[in-house]
Amino acid sequence: MVKRVQVVLNEDVLSLGKDGDLVEVAPGFARNYLLPYGKALPVTPAVLKQVKHRRAKQAELEASLKQQALDFQTALVTIGRFTVKKQVGEDGVLFGTVTNGDVATAIQEATKKEIDRRDITVPEIHSTGKYKVSVKLHSEVTTEINLEVLSY
């Protein structure tokens, strides 16, 4: 039977674990790769205490970010409606389409807070009118906003 050693990872290691994980590996892998390159530390009570402290801080940070997302969701719902102005041709058909970048700009102008355009899901919009747009504010917080497309 091959003996295994426990180490605490300092950084994410592909197919092994994430930063702060306690993993069991072969002694040669730990001795020849993980420890010399600083990717892991041998398990000691002090190291385990540091890992526990780091995880508590990470959980606190995640809770803070989620609360900020919930507060911003309330602000978006309070505003109610965002407008985007596009050039329109005959029959109310837009030249081009409304993109998630256009929606991000409209939200930024109204709230003075920047949102990544990749977190916005816009339905196919090719004419003026009112639409629902999904905005992901956090991994656990998603909201829908009302978007009105107008001509100029």
C-alpha atoms as a PDB file:
ATOM      1  CA  MET A   1       0.000   0.000   0.000  1.00  0.00           C
ATOM      2  CA  VAL A   2       1.325   3.418  -1.012  1.00  0.00           C
ATOM      3  CA  LYS A   3       1.373   6.035   1.733  1.00  0.00           C
ATOM      4  CA  ARG A   4      -0.293   9.363   0.946  1.00  0.00           C
ATOM      5  CA  VAL A   5       0.577  12.781   2.360  1.00  0.00           C
ATOM      6  CA  GLN A   6      -1.738  15.666   3.101  1.00  0.00           C
ATOM      7  CA  VAL A   7      -0.958  19.145   1.845  1.00  0.00           C
ATOM      8  CA  VAL A   8      -2.818  22.456   1.741  1.00  0.00           C
ATOM      9  CA  LEU A   9      -2.887  24.090  -1.687  1.00  0.00           C
ATOM     10  CA  ASN A  10      -1.646  27.681  -2.012  1.00  0.00           C
ATOM     11  CA  GLU A  11      -3.177  28.124  -5.455  1.00  0.00           C
ATOM     12  CA  ASP A  12      -5.564  26.353  -7.819  1.00  0.00           C
ATOM     13  CA  VAL A  13      -4.007  23.197  -9.256  1.00  0.00           C
ATOM     14  CA  LEU A  14      -5.746  21.672 -12.261  1.00  0.00           C
ATOM     15  CA  SER A  15      -7.529  18.373 -11.488  1.00  0.00           C
ATOM     16  CA  LEU A  16      -6.359  18.500  -7.865  1.00  0.00           C
ATOM     17  CA  GLY A  17      -8.163  21.311  -6.076  1.00  0.00           C
ATOM     18  CA  LYS A  18      -8.593  24.992  -5.388  1.00  0.00           C
ATOM     19  CA  ASP A  19      -6.659  27.402  -3.216  1.00  0.00           C
ATOM     20  CA  GLY A  20      -6.992  26.440   0.464  1.00  0.00           C
ATOM     21  CA  ASP A  21      -8.129  22.848  -0.146  1.00  0.00           C
ATOM     22  CA  LEU A  22      -6.712  20.040   1.987  1.00  0.00           C
ATOM     23  CA  VAL A  23      -5.771  17.220  -0.407  1.00  0.00           C
ATOM     24  CA  GLU A  24      -4.019  13.878  -0.214  1.00  0.00           C
ATOM     25  CA  VAL A  25      -1.335  13.273  -2.828  1.00  0.00           C
ATOM     26  CA  ALA A  26       1.491  10.863  -3.457  1.00  0.00           C
ATOM     27  CA  PRO A  27       4.641  11.737  -1.490  1.00  0.00           C
ATOM     28  CA  GLY A  28       6.743  12.117  -4.643  1.00  0.00           C
ATOM     29  CA  PHE A  29       4.251  14.523  -6.218  1.00  0.00           C
ATOM     30  CA  ALA A  30       4.277  16.662  -3.077  1.00  0.00           C
ATOM     31  CA  ARG A  31       8.049  16.496  -2.618  1.00  0.00           C
ATOM     32  CA  ASN A  32       9.033  17.029  -6.263  1.00  0.00           C
ATOM     33  CA  TYR A  33       6.372  19.393  -7.586  1.00  0.00           C
ATOM     34  CA  LEU A  34       3.910  20.946  -5.151  1.00  0.00           C
ATOM     35  CA  LEU A  35       6.244  21.970  -2.332  1.00  0.00           C
ATOM     36  CA  PRO A  36       9.281  23.221  -4.358  1.00  0.00           C
ATOM     37  CA  TYR A  37       7.115  25.353  -6.662  1.00  0.00           C
ATOM     38  CA  GLY A  38       5.174  26.829  -3.735  1.00  0.00           C
ATOM     39  CA  LYS A  39       1.871  25.395  -4.880  1.00  0.00           C
ATOM     40  CA  ALA A  40       1.248  23.696  -1.519  1.00  0.00           C
ATOM     41  CA  LEU A  41       2.288  23.665   2.122  1.00  0.00           C
ATOM     42  CA  PRO A  42       2.684  20.653   4.408  1.00  0.00           C
ATOM     43  CA  VAL A  43      -0.170  20.243   6.880  1.00  0.00           C
ATOM     44  CA  THR A  44       0.509  21.698  10.327  1.00  0.00           C
ATOM     45  CA  PRO A  45      -1.908  23.056  12.938  1.00  0.00           C
ATOM     46  CA  ALA A  46      -0.784  26.612  12.139  1.00  0.00           C
ATOM     47  CA  VAL A  47      -1.427  26.165   8.413  1.00  0.00           C
ATOM     48  CA  LEU A  48      -4.878  24.669   9.105  1.00  0.00           C
ATOM     49  CA  LYS A  49      -5.674  27.681  11.304  1.00  0.00           C
ATOM     50  CA  GLN A  50      -4.642  30.048   8.486  1.00  0.00           C
ATOM     51  CA  VAL A  51      -6.823  28.152   6.002  1.00  0.00           C
ATOM     52  CA  LYS A  52      -9.804  28.335   8.363  1.00  0.00           C
ATOM     53  CA  HIS A  53      -9.262  32.092   8.821  1.00  0.00           C
ATOM     54  CA  ARG A  54      -8.930  32.634   5.055  1.00  0.00           C
ATOM     55  CA  ARG A  55     -12.170  30.728   4.375  1.00  0.00           C
ATOM     56  CA  ALA A  56     -14.026  32.773   6.998  1.00  0.00           C
ATOM     57  CA  LYS A  57     -12.822  36.008   5.373  1.00  0.00           C
ATOM     58  CA  GLN A  58     -13.840  34.700   1.937  1.00  0.00           C
ATOM     59  CA  ALA A  59     -17.328  33.800   3.201  1.00  0.00           C
ATOM     60  CA  GLU A  60     -17.656  37.283   4.722  1.00  0.00           C
ATOM     61  CA  LEU A  61     -16.624  38.889   1.431  1.00  0.00           C
ATOM     62  CA  GLU A  62     -19.119  36.765  -0.525  1.00  0.00           C
ATOM     63  CA  ALA A  63     -21.924  37.759   1.860  1.00  0.00           C
ATOM     64  CA  SER A  64     -20.987  41.426   1.435  1.00  0.00           C
ATOM     65  CA  LEU A  65     -20.986  41.161  -2.370  1.00  0.00           C
ATOM     66  CA  LYS A  66     -24.364  39.416  -2.332  1.00  0.00           C
ATOM     67  CA  GLN A  67     -25.838  42.130  -0.116  1.00  0.00           C
ATOM     68  CA  GLN A  68     -24.539  44.828  -2.483  1.00  0.00           C
ATOM     69  CA  ALA A  69     -26.151  42.969  -5.397  1.00  0.00           C
ATOM     70  CA  LEU A  70     -29.468  42.780  -3.533  1.00  0.00           C
ATOM     71  CA  ASP A  71     -29.307  46.518  -2.778  1.00  0.00           C
ATOM     72  CA  PHE A  72     -28.607  47.289  -6.438  1.00  0.00           C
ATOM     73  CA  GLN A  73     -31.479  44.993  -7.471  1.00  0.00           C
ATOM     74  CA  THR A  74     -33.795  47.078  -5.276  1.00  0.00           C
ATOM     75  CA  ALA A  75     -32.475  50.250  -6.918  1.00  0.00           C
ATOM     76  CA  LEU A  76     -33.115  48.849 -10.407  1.00  0.00           C
ATOM     77  CA  VAL A  77     -36.664  47.844  -9.487  1.00  0.00           C
ATOM     78  CA  THR A  78     -37.288  51.287  -7.956  1.00  0.00           C
ATOM     79  CA  ILE A  79     -36.198  53.042 -11.144  1.00  0.00           C
ATOM     80  CA  GLY A  80     -38.669  50.902 -13.038  1.00  0.00           C
ATOM     81  CA  ARG A  81     -37.951  51.623 -16.702  1.00  0.00           C
ATOM     82  CA  PHE A  82     -34.871  52.299 -18.781  1.00  0.00           C
ATOM     83  CA  THR A  83     -34.956  53.794 -22.265  1.00  0.00           C
ATOM     84  CA  VAL A  84     -32.749  53.245 -25.281  1.00  0.00           C
ATOM     85  CA  LYS A  85     -33.019  55.505 -28.336  1.00  0.00           C
ATOM     86  CA  LYS A  86     -32.220  54.033 -31.744  1.00  0.00           C
ATOM     87  CA  GLN A  87     -32.575  55.164 -35.309  1.00  0.00           C
ATOM     88  CA  VAL A  88     -35.729  53.777 -36.896  1.00  0.00           C
ATOM     89  CA  GLY A  89     -36.639  53.217 -40.526  1.00  0.00           C
ATOM     90  CA  GLU A  90     -40.005  52.659 -42.096  1.00  0.00           C
ATOM     91  CA  ASP A  91     -42.651  50.619 -40.252  1.00  0.00           C
ATOM     92  CA  GLY A  92     -40.910  51.156 -36.882  1.00  0.00           C
ATOM     93  CA  VAL A  93     -38.064  48.778 -37.724  1.00  0.00           C
ATOM     94  CA  LEU A  94     -34.707  49.588 -36.141  1.00  0.00           C
ATOM     95  CA  PHE A  95     -31.497  50.025 -38.063  1.00  0.00           C
ATOM     96  CA  GLY A  96     -29.534  47.212 -36.422  1.00  0.00           C
ATOM     97  CA  THR A  97     -30.659  45.865 -33.067  1.00  0.00           C
ATOM     98  CA  VAL A  98     -30.550  46.715 -29.385  1.00  0.00           C
ATOM     99  CA  THR A  99     -27.495  45.062 -27.844  1.00  0.00           C
ATOM    100  CA  ASN A 100     -26.556  44.267 -24.283  1.00  0.00           C
ATOM    101  CA  GLY A 101     -23.984  47.082 -24.511  1.00  0.00           C
ATOM    102  CA  ASP A 102     -26.770  49.572 -25.213  1.00  0.00           C
ATOM    103  CA  VAL A 103     -28.676  48.328 -22.158  1.00  0.00           C
ATOM    104  CA  ALA A 104     -25.503  48.510 -20.000  1.00  0.00           C
ATOM    105  CA  THR A 105     -25.003  52.121 -21.093  1.00  0.00           C
ATOM    106  CA  ALA A 106     -28.626  52.992 -20.263  1.00  0.00           C
ATOM    107  CA  ILE A 107     -28.296  51.435 -16.793  1.00  0.00           C
ATOM    108  CA  GLN A 108     -24.996  53.221 -16.189  1.00  0.00           C
ATOM    109  CA  GLU A 109     -26.474  56.598 -17.173  1.00  0.00           C
ATOM    110  CA  ALA A 110     -29.443  56.110 -14.840  1.00  0.00           C
ATOM    111  CA  THR A 111     -27.645  54.626 -11.816  1.00  0.00           C
ATOM    112  CA  LYS A 112     -24.023  55.820 -12.202  1.00  0.00           C
ATOM    113  CA  LYS A 113     -22.948  52.217 -11.562  1.00  0.00           C
ATOM    114  CA  GLU A 114     -21.228  50.149 -14.218  1.00  0.00           C
ATOM    115  CA  ILE A 115     -22.546  46.688 -15.141  1.00  0.00           C
ATOM    116  CA  ASP A 116     -20.660  44.220 -17.286  1.00  0.00           C
ATOM    117  CA  ARG A 117     -22.505  43.839 -20.582  1.00  0.00           C
ATOM    118  CA  ARG A 118     -21.894  40.065 -20.548  1.00  0.00           C
ATOM    119  CA  ASP A 119     -24.213  39.795 -17.531  1.00  0.00           C
ATOM    120  CA  ILE A 120     -27.159  41.201 -19.494  1.00  0.00           C
ATOM    121  CA  THR A 121     -29.449  38.977 -21.553  1.00  0.00           C
ATOM    122  CA  VAL A 122     -31.428  40.874 -24.200  1.00  0.00           C
ATOM    123  CA  PRO A 123     -34.152  39.272 -26.324  1.00  0.00           C
ATOM    124  CA  GLU A 124     -34.158  39.850 -30.085  1.00  0.00           C
ATOM    125  CA  ILE A 125     -35.231  43.479 -30.470  1.00  0.00           C
ATOM    126  CA  HIS A 126     -35.787  44.794 -33.981  1.00  0.00           C
ATOM    127  CA  SER A 127     -38.577  47.318 -33.415  1.00  0.00           C
ATOM    128  CA  THR A 128     -39.639  50.003 -30.954  1.00  0.00           C
ATOM    129  CA  GLY A 129     -41.651  49.004 -27.917  1.00  0.00           C
ATOM    130  CA  LYS A 130     -41.362  47.681 -24.371  1.00  0.00           C
ATOM    131  CA  TYR A 131     -39.297  44.612 -23.483  1.00  0.00           C
ATOM    132  CA  LYS A 132     -38.100  42.646 -20.449  1.00  0.00           C
ATOM    133  CA  VAL A 133     -34.328  42.292 -20.045  1.00  0.00           C
ATOM    134  CA  SER A 134     -32.584  39.923 -17.607  1.00  0.00           C
ATOM    135  CA  VAL A 135     -29.620  41.267 -15.615  1.00  0.00           C
ATOM    136  CA  LYS A 136     -27.341  39.008 -13.565  1.00  0.00           C
ATOM    137  CA  LEU A 137     -25.969  41.010 -10.630  1.00  0.00           C
ATOM    138  CA  HIS A 138     -24.372  38.143  -8.673  1.00  0.00           C
ATOM    139  CA  SER A 139     -24.145  34.387  -9.021  1.00  0.00           C
ATOM    140  CA  GLU A 140     -27.291  34.123  -6.862  1.00  0.00           C
ATOM    141  CA  VAL A 141     -29.034  37.413  -7.728  1.00  0.00           C
ATOM    142  CA  THR A 142     -30.778  37.997 -11.060  1.00  0.00           C
ATOM    143  CA  THR A 143     -33.402  40.608 -11.858  1.00  0.00           C
ATOM    144  CA  GLU A 144     -35.573  41.662 -14.773  1.00  0.00           C
ATOM    145  CA  ILE A 145     -35.799  45.271 -15.854  1.00  0.00           C
ATOM    146  CA  ASN A 146     -38.234  47.014 -18.169  1.00  0.00           C
ATOM    147  CA  LEU A 147     -36.634  48.409 -21.303  1.00  0.00           C
ATOM    148  CA  GLU A 148     -38.357  50.824 -23.635  1.00  0.00           C
ATOM    149  CA  VAL A 149     -36.935  51.272 -27.123  1.00  0.00           C
ATOM    150  CA  LEU A 150     -37.718  54.651 -28.662  1.00  0.00           C
ATOM    151  CA  SER A 151     -36.885  56.283 -31.977  1.00  0.00           C
ATOM    152  CA  TYR A 152     -34.981  59.516 -32.379  1.00  0.00           C
END
